[in-house]
Amino acid sequence: MACCFLTQLSFAVFVTMPFTTFVYMVQDLYPGRSETFLAARTGLLASLSNLSMFVTSVPWGLASDRRGRRPVLLVGACSAALTMFALGCARSYAFACFARVLGGLLNGSLGTMKAIIADVTDASNAPRAFAGLSVAWGLGAVAGPAIGGLLSRPCVEGGLLAGSLFCVPGGLLTSRPYFIPCLVSSLLCAASGVLAWRLEETLGLQWKAPVQQRAHPEGCTEEVAPLLSDEVELREQNGERREHDEHLSEALPVVQEAFHAPAPPVRWFRDRQCVLCLLGYGLCAFIFIQLDELLPLFAAAPVASGGLGLTPRGLSAPLAWNGLVVFLFTLLAYPPLVARWGLRFATRGGFWATAGATLAVPVASLAAPPLSMVLLYAAVSARGAAAVTVFTSSMILVNRGAPFGQLGEVNGAGQALAALVRGLGPAIAGLEWGSSVRSSVAGSQFAAFITVAATALLGVALYGRVRFEEEETQEARTTAAS
């Protein structure tokens, strides 16, 4: 679990730190260009890593099912460390794009990490384990913006190292002002690789468990091993001991027939509930990657363009606050929320909250400081709580709906879908924001956020069609208690 925790934390920094640097990196690479041009280039740079992961996530998932989880984690951690270091050394837009593409192609860690957790957990402890991933993400989301905001441009006036010996003209930190935050992110990824090297392989543990439960489209489960062991004990007591292989050959078909266990397991892409859960997870990723891109663009845009005119350091504070909210909400509020309402109800409520929080972000531009910052922090807080609810719940539902023996492939497919929409999301958000700021209509800064809020409402409808037996039981209990 320590390896999964650090992998999630380092990837959170890998994702969130560039959101506080890319907009300014592109401004440095293209000085004097229009806001529309900069928004489009920033969106493209942010999308390349995820578009690359879309190409390779399913193959990495298949590799984790056949060759093991540990090698996939090792390759992902090492490639992330090397490409983040290369990004910090970039002095051209093309090289920065190359580093992000390569890092995406070689990274299959996220889907594999979720498969590892599913390998070693069951229905009783999976919510807590997956909530631990949200805690790790929250910590990384606090550290990422802080690292990017505080350590970027260290040699400019007011920078962390301004006037020091490290800031000589033409030096490393002067010519590469984003080297330090990228180096920190690279070291975190390398540390997760060290833990992955020492990780015990988990592939196959799910086959060795004394009780194996597999979700089926009908909601039934199979419990084979305990019945077999009871029958062995009974035969021994009656003096009817038989050879182990002979016993299995006779008992197993009977037990399978009694529990209606399908053989072979249905493929995941033919399982309606599994596909719905994957689509829901992809929708979560699409919504929040757009918000992750829109918030910096909105905050960094000039006040005359409907933004807040924040500097990198000013932007890092509310983004770090968002990470803190994610951390606290995961620890204190999410577990009782799910225990009270169930995963499906919690997920649908989280999408409603996401729509409201999205519309609240541009409201900050209607007020002057300090009220504008108060409104921004309030919107960011609501967004963080909603993100924990929908992401954690959707991850659990994806693994609950995965047919037995296909965890790696299903999580790889989920990661591929998430990577695709995370690749398209920043580019779409950049174009939406550029279109908004070109308009001379008052309040045009709301347009992009309204589109994202409307997308969140699709999640409410989609999860209304997700049905698991235990979820329906939980909903019935909740309704009766009310």
Protein backbone atom coordinates (compact mmCIF):
# COMPACT_ATOMS: atom_id res chain seq x y z
CA MET A 1 0.00 0.00 0.00
CA ALA A 2 2.91 2.35 0.67
CA CYS A 3 4.01 1.95 -2.94
CA CYS A 4 0.50 2.73 -4.23
CA PHE A 5 0.24 5.73 -1.90
CA LEU A 6 3.52 7.26 -3.05
CA THR A 7 2.78 6.46 -6.70
CA GLN A 8 -0.55 8.27 -6.45
CA LEU A 9 1.04 11.22 -4.61
CA SER A 10 3.87 11.57 -7.13
CA PHE A 11 1.45 11.34 -10.04
CA ALA A 12 -0.74 14.01 -8.42
CA VAL A 13 2.29 16.30 -8.33
CA PHE A 14 3.10 15.22 -11.90
CA VAL A 15 -0.41 16.35 -12.95
CA THR A 16 -1.11 19.42 -10.77
CA MET A 17 2.30 21.08 -10.73
CA PRO A 18 2.31 21.81 -14.50
CA PHE A 19 -1.06 23.54 -14.22
CA THR A 20 0.68 26.33 -12.28
CA THR A 21 3.66 26.43 -14.65
CA PHE A 22 2.48 25.67 -18.19
CA VAL A 23 0.49 28.86 -18.63
CA TYR A 24 3.55 30.90 -17.61
CA MET A 25 6.00 28.65 -19.49
CA VAL A 26 4.07 29.26 -22.70
CA GLN A 27 4.00 33.01 -21.97
CA ASP A 28 7.82 32.95 -21.64
CA LEU A 29 8.25 30.94 -24.83
CA TYR A 30 5.90 33.20 -26.83
CA PRO A 31 6.20 36.71 -25.37
CA GLY A 32 3.77 39.31 -26.63
CA ARG A 33 1.35 36.84 -28.25
CA SER A 34 -2.42 37.13 -27.88
CA GLU A 35 -4.39 35.57 -25.04
CA THR A 36 -6.17 33.31 -27.54
CA PHE A 37 -2.88 32.00 -28.97
CA LEU A 38 -1.42 31.38 -25.50
CA ALA A 39 -4.56 29.58 -24.29
CA ALA A 40 -4.52 27.22 -27.28
CA ARG A 41 -0.80 26.39 -26.89
CA THR A 42 -1.17 25.89 -23.15
CA GLY A 43 -4.10 23.53 -23.65
CA LEU A 44 -2.22 21.51 -26.25
CA LEU A 45 0.86 21.13 -24.04
CA ALA A 46 -1.28 20.02 -21.11
CA SER A 47 -3.13 17.47 -23.24
CA LEU A 48 -0.22 15.66 -24.90
CA SER A 49 0.74 13.44 -21.97
CA ASN A 50 -2.78 12.11 -21.55
CA LEU A 51 -3.35 11.60 -25.28
CA SER A 52 -0.17 9.51 -25.30
CA MET A 53 -1.37 7.46 -22.33
CA PHE A 54 -4.58 6.75 -24.22
CA VAL A 55 -2.57 4.91 -26.87
CA THR A 56 -0.75 2.60 -24.44
CA SER A 57 -2.95 2.22 -21.32
CA VAL A 58 -4.80 -0.92 -22.48
CA PRO A 59 -1.56 -2.67 -23.58
CA TRP A 60 0.00 -1.81 -20.22
CA GLY A 61 -3.10 -3.21 -18.49
CA LEU A 62 -2.84 -6.44 -20.46
CA ALA A 63 0.85 -6.63 -19.60
CA SER A 64 0.05 -6.28 -15.90
CA ASP A 65 -2.44 -9.19 -16.15
CA ARG A 66 0.06 -11.43 -17.95
CA ARG A 67 3.53 -10.33 -16.84
CA GLY A 68 2.78 -8.86 -13.43
CA ARG A 69 1.94 -5.53 -11.80
CA ARG A 70 5.43 -4.75 -10.52
CA PRO A 71 7.25 -4.39 -13.90
CA VAL A 72 4.59 -1.99 -15.18
CA LEU A 73 4.91 0.19 -12.09
CA LEU A 74 8.70 0.25 -12.46
CA VAL A 75 8.59 1.37 -16.09
CA GLY A 76 5.99 4.04 -15.32
CA ALA A 77 7.89 5.50 -12.38
CA CYS A 78 11.24 5.60 -14.18
CA SER A 79 9.80 7.13 -17.34
CA ALA A 80 7.91 9.79 -15.36
CA ALA A 81 11.10 10.73 -13.48
CA LEU A 82 13.18 11.04 -16.65
CA THR A 83 10.61 12.96 -18.69
CA MET A 84 9.85 15.45 -15.88
CA PHE A 85 13.59 16.15 -15.65
CA ALA A 86 13.66 16.67 -19.41
CA LEU A 87 10.68 19.02 -19.21
CA GLY A 88 12.56 21.18 -16.71
CA CYS A 89 15.44 21.45 -19.19
CA ALA A 90 13.20 22.42 -22.12
CA ARG A 91 14.02 25.69 -23.88
CA SER A 92 11.56 25.27 -26.74
CA TYR A 93 7.89 24.44 -27.04
CA ALA A 94 8.67 21.46 -29.29
CA PHE A 95 11.01 19.85 -26.76
CA ALA A 96 8.49 20.37 -23.95
CA CYS A 97 5.87 18.62 -26.11
CA PHE A 98 8.27 15.74 -26.80
CA ALA A 99 8.92 15.21 -23.08
CA ARG A 100 5.18 15.07 -22.31
CA VAL A 101 4.45 12.65 -25.17
CA LEU A 102 7.23 10.24 -24.15
CA GLY A 103 6.17 10.37 -20.50
CA GLY A 104 2.62 9.47 -21.46
CA LEU A 105 3.50 6.59 -23.75
CA LEU A 106 5.61 4.83 -21.12
CA ASN A 107 3.32 5.38 -18.13
CA GLY A 108 0.83 2.64 -17.23
CA SER A 109 1.08 3.10 -13.48
CA LEU A 110 -2.34 4.48 -12.62
CA GLY A 111 -4.44 1.60 -13.93
CA THR A 112 -1.99 -0.97 -12.59
CA MET A 113 -1.99 0.64 -9.15
CA LYS A 114 -5.78 0.31 -8.89
CA ALA A 115 -5.53 -3.32 -9.99
CA ILE A 116 -3.03 -3.93 -7.18
CA ILE A 117 -5.46 -2.55 -4.61
CA ALA A 118 -8.27 -4.67 -6.03
CA ASP A 119 -5.95 -7.72 -5.85
CA VAL A 120 -5.45 -7.37 -2.09
CA THR A 121 -8.84 -6.04 -0.91
CA ASP A 122 -12.45 -7.18 -0.80
CA ALA A 123 -15.82 -5.48 -0.37
CA SER A 124 -15.20 -4.89 3.35
CA ASN A 125 -12.02 -2.81 3.00
CA ALA A 126 -11.97 -1.62 -0.63
CA PRO A 127 -13.68 1.74 0.13
CA ARG A 128 -11.05 2.57 2.75
CA ALA A 129 -8.21 1.50 0.46
CA PHE A 130 -9.44 3.50 -2.51
CA ALA A 131 -10.13 6.46 -0.22
CA GLY A 132 -6.44 6.23 0.68
CA LEU A 133 -5.69 6.98 -2.96
CA SER A 134 -7.78 10.13 -2.65
CA VAL A 135 -5.80 11.09 0.47
CA ALA A 136 -2.58 10.63 -1.49
CA TRP A 137 -4.01 12.66 -4.35
CA GLY A 138 -5.02 15.38 -1.92
CA LEU A 139 -1.52 15.60 -0.49
CA GLY A 140 -0.05 15.69 -3.98
CA ALA A 141 -2.57 18.29 -5.06
CA VAL A 142 -1.47 20.45 -2.12
CA ALA A 143 2.22 19.95 -2.87
CA GLY A 144 1.99 20.25 -6.67
CA PRO A 145 0.65 23.80 -6.96
CA ALA A 146 2.86 24.93 -4.09
CA ILE A 147 5.96 23.47 -5.77
CA GLY A 148 5.04 24.95 -9.13
CA GLY A 149 4.10 28.37 -7.78
CA LEU A 150 6.90 28.86 -5.26
CA LEU A 151 9.81 27.34 -7.20
CA SER A 152 9.06 28.58 -10.73
CA ARG A 153 10.90 31.65 -12.05
CA PRO A 154 13.22 31.75 -9.01
CA CYS A 155 15.46 34.46 -10.48
CA VAL A 156 12.85 37.10 -11.38
CA GLU A 157 12.22 40.02 -9.05
CA GLY A 158 10.58 38.63 -5.93
CA GLY A 159 11.58 35.07 -6.83
CA LEU A 160 12.85 32.57 -4.29
CA LEU A 161 16.52 32.94 -5.30
CA ALA A 162 16.49 36.45 -6.81
CA GLY A 163 19.86 38.15 -6.44
CA SER A 164 21.68 34.99 -5.34
CA LEU A 165 24.72 33.33 -6.92
CA PHE A 166 22.42 30.78 -8.58
CA CYS A 167 20.86 33.49 -10.73
CA VAL A 168 23.80 34.61 -12.84
CA PRO A 169 22.90 35.75 -16.39
CA GLY A 170 22.77 32.79 -18.73
CA GLY A 171 22.88 30.31 -15.85
CA LEU A 172 20.76 27.19 -15.45
CA LEU A 173 17.97 28.75 -13.40
CA THR A 174 17.92 31.94 -15.45
CA SER A 175 17.61 30.19 -18.80
CA ARG A 176 15.44 27.36 -17.46
CA PRO A 177 13.13 29.01 -14.92
CA TYR A 178 11.01 25.87 -14.39
CA PHE A 179 13.86 23.45 -13.74
CA ILE A 180 13.52 23.31 -9.93
CA PRO A 181 9.81 22.34 -9.72
CA CYS A 182 10.28 19.75 -12.47
CA LEU A 183 13.30 18.34 -10.63
CA VAL A 184 11.30 17.97 -7.40
CA SER A 185 8.54 16.14 -9.28
CA SER A 186 11.14 13.93 -10.96
CA LEU A 187 12.65 12.94 -7.60
CA LEU A 188 9.21 12.02 -6.22
CA CYS A 189 8.59 9.75 -9.21
CA ALA A 190 12.01 8.17 -8.72
CA ALA A 191 11.20 7.48 -5.05
CA SER A 192 8.00 5.70 -6.07
CA GLY A 193 10.12 3.62 -8.44
CA VAL A 194 12.34 2.52 -5.54
CA LEU A 195 9.28 1.29 -3.65
CA ALA A 196 7.97 -0.44 -6.77
CA TRP A 197 11.28 -2.30 -7.03
CA ARG A 198 10.73 -3.70 -3.52
CA LEU A 199 7.03 -4.44 -4.06
CA GLU A 200 5.82 -8.02 -3.75
CA GLU A 201 4.00 -9.16 -6.86
CA THR A 202 0.22 -9.20 -6.32
CA LEU A 203 -0.88 -10.76 -9.60
CA GLY A 204 -2.52 -14.09 -8.78
CA LEU A 205 -3.38 -13.27 -5.16
CA GLN A 206 -7.03 -12.96 -6.13
CA TRP A 207 -6.95 -16.60 -7.31
CA LYS A 208 -5.47 -17.81 -4.03
CA ALA A 209 -8.00 -16.22 -1.67
CA PRO A 210 -10.12 -18.67 0.34
CA VAL A 211 -13.29 -16.91 -0.80
CA GLN A 212 -13.51 -15.54 -4.29
CA GLN A 213 -16.36 -13.19 -5.09
CA ARG A 214 -16.95 -12.00 -8.62
CA ALA A 215 -19.49 -9.43 -9.71
CA HIS A 216 -21.78 -10.51 -12.53
CA PRO A 217 -24.24 -8.47 -14.54
CA GLU A 218 -27.06 -10.05 -12.53
CA GLY A 219 -25.39 -9.07 -9.25
CA CYS A 220 -24.78 -12.64 -8.05
CA THR A 221 -21.50 -13.89 -6.58
CA GLU A 222 -19.68 -17.20 -6.43
CA GLU A 223 -18.18 -18.66 -3.26
CA VAL A 224 -16.48 -21.91 -4.11
CA ALA A 225 -13.54 -22.63 -1.83
CA PRO A 226 -15.37 -22.69 1.56
CA LEU A 227 -17.91 -25.24 0.29
CA LEU A 228 -15.17 -27.46 -1.05
CA SER A 229 -13.24 -27.33 2.23
CA ASP A 230 -16.38 -28.16 4.25
CA GLU A 231 -17.07 -31.16 2.04
CA VAL A 232 -13.50 -32.41 2.45
CA GLU A 233 -13.81 -32.20 6.24
CA LEU A 234 -17.13 -34.07 6.18
CA ARG A 235 -15.72 -36.88 4.03
CA GLU A 236 -12.74 -37.24 6.37
CA GLN A 237 -15.02 -37.48 9.41
CA ASN A 238 -17.04 -40.25 7.71
CA GLY A 239 -13.93 -42.18 6.74
CA GLU A 240 -14.42 -41.46 3.10
CA ARG A 241 -11.07 -39.78 2.37
CA ARG A 242 -10.31 -39.55 -1.33
CA GLU A 243 -7.52 -38.27 -3.45
CA HIS A 244 -7.56 -34.43 -3.68
CA ASP A 245 -7.68 -34.26 -7.47
CA GLU A 246 -10.51 -36.76 -7.64
CA HIS A 247 -12.50 -34.79 -5.08
CA LEU A 248 -12.11 -31.52 -6.95
CA SER A 249 -13.11 -33.05 -10.25
CA GLU A 250 -16.36 -34.31 -8.70
CA ALA A 251 -17.26 -31.39 -6.42
CA LEU A 252 -16.38 -28.37 -8.49
CA PRO A 253 -18.96 -28.84 -11.29
CA VAL A 254 -21.69 -29.36 -8.70
CA VAL A 255 -20.82 -26.23 -6.79
CA GLN A 256 -20.48 -24.14 -9.93
CA GLU A 257 -23.85 -25.33 -11.17
CA ALA A 258 -25.45 -24.54 -7.80
CA PHE A 259 -24.20 -20.97 -7.85
CA HIS A 260 -24.77 -20.45 -11.60
CA ALA A 261 -21.11 -19.44 -12.09
CA PRO A 262 -20.50 -18.72 -15.76
CA ALA A 263 -17.46 -20.28 -17.35
CA PRO A 264 -15.53 -18.74 -18.91
CA PRO A 265 -16.07 -15.26 -17.39
CA VAL A 266 -17.81 -12.72 -19.59
CA ARG A 267 -15.48 -10.28 -21.32
CA TRP A 268 -15.54 -6.85 -19.72
CA PHE A 269 -16.63 -5.02 -22.88
CA ARG A 270 -19.74 -7.23 -23.06
CA ASP A 271 -20.71 -6.52 -19.44
CA ARG A 272 -23.18 -3.62 -19.37
CA GLN A 273 -22.48 -2.63 -15.77
CA CYS A 274 -18.71 -2.68 -16.30
CA VAL A 275 -19.02 -0.50 -19.42
CA LEU A 276 -21.30 1.98 -17.63
CA CYS A 277 -18.85 2.28 -14.73
CA LEU A 278 -15.97 2.87 -17.16
CA LEU A 279 -17.94 5.56 -18.97
CA GLY A 280 -18.73 7.22 -15.65
CA TYR A 281 -15.06 7.24 -14.65
CA GLY A 282 -14.14 8.73 -18.01
CA LEU A 283 -16.77 11.44 -17.56
CA CYS A 284 -15.30 12.30 -14.16
CA ALA A 285 -11.87 12.68 -15.70
CA PHE A 286 -13.22 14.80 -18.57
CA ILE A 287 -15.00 17.24 -16.26
CA PHE A 288 -12.22 17.77 -13.76
CA ILE A 289 -9.40 18.02 -16.30
CA GLN A 290 -11.34 20.87 -17.90
CA LEU A 291 -11.72 22.54 -14.53
CA ASP A 292 -8.02 22.03 -13.82
CA GLU A 293 -7.22 23.83 -17.06
CA LEU A 294 -9.89 26.55 -16.86
CA LEU A 295 -9.09 27.65 -13.32
CA PRO A 296 -5.46 28.73 -14.04
CA LEU A 297 -6.48 30.35 -17.32
CA PHE A 298 -9.26 32.27 -15.59
CA ALA A 299 -7.10 33.23 -12.62
CA ALA A 300 -4.09 34.33 -14.72
CA ALA A 301 -6.12 36.25 -17.33
CA PRO A 302 -6.16 40.06 -17.04
CA VAL A 303 -9.07 41.60 -15.18
CA ALA A 304 -10.08 43.36 -18.40
CA SER A 305 -10.55 39.92 -20.00
CA GLY A 306 -12.78 38.66 -17.20
CA GLY A 307 -10.00 37.03 -15.17
CA LEU A 308 -8.38 37.75 -11.81
CA GLY A 309 -4.85 38.74 -12.94
CA LEU A 310 -3.06 36.46 -10.44
CA THR A 311 0.68 35.74 -10.49
CA PRO A 312 2.09 32.19 -10.21
CA ARG A 313 2.56 32.63 -6.47
CA GLY A 314 -0.93 34.06 -6.08
CA LEU A 315 -2.40 31.17 -8.05
CA SER A 316 -0.57 28.50 -6.05
CA ALA A 317 -2.39 29.35 -2.81
CA PRO A 318 -5.99 28.56 -3.87
CA LEU A 319 -4.84 25.45 -5.76
CA ALA A 320 -2.97 24.23 -2.69
CA TRP A 321 -6.08 24.97 -0.62
CA ASN A 322 -8.04 22.73 -2.99
CA GLY A 323 -5.64 19.91 -2.24
CA LEU A 324 -6.03 20.45 1.49
CA VAL A 325 -9.81 20.28 1.16
CA VAL A 326 -9.47 17.02 -0.79
CA PHE A 327 -7.28 15.58 1.97
CA LEU A 328 -9.57 16.58 4.86
CA PHE A 329 -12.82 15.67 3.11
CA THR A 330 -11.46 12.22 2.25
CA LEU A 331 -10.46 11.53 5.85
CA LEU A 332 -13.41 13.04 7.69
CA ALA A 333 -16.46 13.24 5.44
CA TYR A 334 -16.31 10.72 2.61
CA PRO A 335 -16.43 7.44 4.62
CA PRO A 336 -19.57 8.37 6.63
CA LEU A 337 -21.13 9.85 3.48
CA VAL A 338 -20.82 6.57 1.59
CA ALA A 339 -21.81 4.50 4.62
CA ARG A 340 -25.01 6.54 4.96
CA TRP A 341 -26.07 6.91 1.33
CA GLY A 342 -24.21 4.26 -0.65
CA LEU A 343 -21.84 4.64 -3.57
CA ARG A 344 -24.39 5.32 -6.29
CA PHE A 345 -26.29 8.02 -4.40
CA ALA A 346 -23.03 9.63 -3.27
CA THR A 347 -21.70 9.68 -6.83
CA ARG A 348 -24.83 11.29 -8.25
CA GLY A 349 -24.84 13.87 -5.46
CA GLY A 350 -21.19 14.57 -6.19
CA PHE A 351 -22.03 15.39 -9.81
CA TRP A 352 -24.74 17.82 -8.69
CA ALA A 353 -22.18 19.48 -6.38
CA THR A 354 -19.66 19.59 -9.24
CA ALA A 355 -22.10 21.52 -11.43
CA GLY A 356 -22.71 24.07 -8.68
CA ALA A 357 -19.02 24.48 -7.81
CA THR A 358 -18.14 24.95 -11.49
CA LEU A 359 -20.61 27.81 -11.91
CA ALA A 360 -19.32 29.42 -8.69
CA VAL A 361 -15.72 29.83 -9.95
CA PRO A 362 -16.22 32.78 -12.38
CA VAL A 363 -18.44 34.56 -9.84
CA ALA A 364 -15.18 35.70 -8.21
CA SER A 365 -14.50 37.99 -11.18
CA LEU A 366 -17.60 40.03 -10.35
CA ALA A 367 -16.12 41.28 -7.05
CA ALA A 368 -13.02 43.26 -6.11
CA PRO A 369 -10.29 41.95 -3.79
CA PRO A 370 -10.39 40.69 -1.11
CA LEU A 371 -13.98 39.53 -1.67
CA SER A 372 -13.02 38.02 -5.03
CA MET A 373 -10.48 35.75 -3.32
CA VAL A 374 -13.01 34.72 -0.67
CA LEU A 375 -15.41 33.69 -3.41
CA LEU A 376 -12.65 31.85 -5.26
CA TYR A 377 -11.65 29.89 -2.15
CA ALA A 378 -15.29 28.96 -1.51
CA ALA A 379 -15.71 27.66 -5.07
CA VAL A 380 -12.43 25.75 -4.88
CA SER A 381 -13.51 24.14 -1.59
CA ALA A 382 -16.79 22.91 -3.09
CA ARG A 383 -14.94 21.62 -6.13
CA GLY A 384 -12.50 19.63 -3.96
CA ALA A 385 -15.27 17.93 -1.96
CA ALA A 386 -17.16 17.05 -5.14
CA ALA A 387 -14.02 15.66 -6.77
CA VAL A 388 -13.35 13.29 -3.86
CA THR A 389 -16.92 12.01 -3.92
CA VAL A 390 -17.22 11.27 -7.63
CA PHE A 391 -13.66 10.06 -8.27
CA THR A 392 -13.33 7.72 -5.29
CA SER A 393 -16.80 6.27 -5.77
CA SER A 394 -16.32 5.78 -9.50
CA MET A 395 -12.98 3.99 -8.95
CA ILE A 396 -14.60 1.56 -6.52
CA LEU A 397 -17.50 0.91 -8.89
CA VAL A 398 -15.13 0.22 -11.81
CA ASN A 399 -13.31 -2.45 -9.81
CA ARG A 400 -16.57 -3.85 -8.43
CA GLY A 401 -17.91 -4.26 -11.96
CA ALA A 402 -14.75 -5.87 -13.39
CA PRO A 403 -15.20 -9.55 -14.33
CA PHE A 404 -12.96 -11.88 -12.37
CA GLY A 405 -9.41 -12.18 -13.69
CA GLN A 406 -9.63 -9.03 -15.82
CA LEU A 407 -8.77 -6.33 -13.28
CA GLY A 408 -5.64 -5.16 -15.04
CA GLU A 409 -7.29 -4.98 -18.44
CA VAL A 410 -10.39 -3.22 -17.08
CA ASN A 411 -8.31 -0.66 -15.19
CA GLY A 412 -6.14 -0.23 -18.27
CA ALA A 413 -9.27 0.45 -20.32
CA GLY A 414 -10.46 2.92 -17.69
CA GLN A 415 -7.11 4.65 -17.72
CA ALA A 416 -7.11 4.77 -21.52
CA LEU A 417 -10.54 6.39 -21.53
CA ALA A 418 -9.50 8.82 -18.80
CA ALA A 419 -6.29 9.61 -20.69
CA LEU A 420 -8.23 10.29 -23.88
CA VAL A 421 -10.62 12.75 -22.27
CA ARG A 422 -7.80 14.26 -20.19
CA GLY A 423 -5.94 14.79 -23.43
CA LEU A 424 -8.89 16.38 -25.18
CA GLY A 425 -10.12 18.25 -22.12
CA PRO A 426 -7.31 20.83 -21.77
CA ALA A 427 -7.35 21.58 -25.48
CA ILE A 428 -11.13 21.96 -25.45
CA ALA A 429 -10.98 24.10 -22.32
CA GLY A 430 -8.28 26.29 -23.85
CA LEU A 431 -10.36 26.82 -26.98
CA GLU A 432 -13.47 27.54 -24.91
CA TRP A 433 -11.65 30.08 -22.80
CA GLY A 434 -10.06 31.70 -25.84
CA SER A 435 -13.48 31.99 -27.44
CA SER A 436 -14.87 33.50 -24.24
CA VAL A 437 -12.24 36.21 -23.90
CA ARG A 438 -12.63 37.19 -27.55
CA SER A 439 -16.24 38.09 -26.92
CA SER A 440 -17.06 41.64 -25.91
CA VAL A 441 -20.28 40.60 -24.17
CA ALA A 442 -20.33 41.24 -20.43
CA GLY A 443 -20.07 38.01 -18.45
CA SER A 444 -18.60 36.02 -21.33
CA GLN A 445 -16.10 34.48 -18.89
CA PHE A 446 -18.99 32.31 -17.65
CA ALA A 447 -19.48 30.54 -20.99
CA ALA A 448 -16.78 27.89 -20.64
CA PHE A 449 -17.79 27.10 -17.06
CA ILE A 450 -21.47 26.72 -18.03
CA THR A 451 -20.48 24.11 -20.60
CA VAL A 452 -18.58 22.08 -17.99
CA ALA A 453 -21.45 22.34 -15.50
CA ALA A 454 -23.87 21.01 -18.11
CA THR A 455 -21.52 18.06 -18.72
CA ALA A 456 -21.57 17.26 -15.00
CA LEU A 457 -25.33 16.78 -15.17
CA LEU A 458 -24.75 13.93 -17.63
CA GLY A 459 -23.02 12.10 -14.80
CA VAL A 460 -26.17 12.28 -12.70
CA ALA A 461 -28.12 10.56 -15.49
CA LEU A 462 -25.43 7.97 -16.25
CA TYR A 463 -25.03 6.75 -12.66
CA GLY A 464 -28.79 6.46 -12.42
CA ARG A 465 -28.41 3.43 -14.71
CA VAL A 466 -25.62 1.74 -12.70
CA ARG A 467 -27.09 -1.12 -10.67
CA PHE A 468 -25.39 -3.47 -8.23
CA GLU A 469 -27.24 -5.71 -5.80
CA GLU A 470 -25.48 -4.36 -2.72
CA GLU A 471 -26.04 -0.77 -3.85
CA GLU A 472 -29.78 -1.32 -4.25
CA THR A 473 -29.87 -2.91 -0.79
CA GLN A 474 -28.06 0.10 0.69
CA GLU A 475 -30.45 2.51 -1.03
CA ALA A 476 -33.45 0.58 0.32
CA ARG A 477 -32.06 0.79 3.84
CA THR A 478 -31.40 4.52 3.45
CA THR A 479 -34.95 5.13 2.20
CA ALA A 480 -36.43 3.10 5.06
CA ALA A 481 -34.32 4.97 7.64
CA SER A 482 -35.47 8.30 6.24
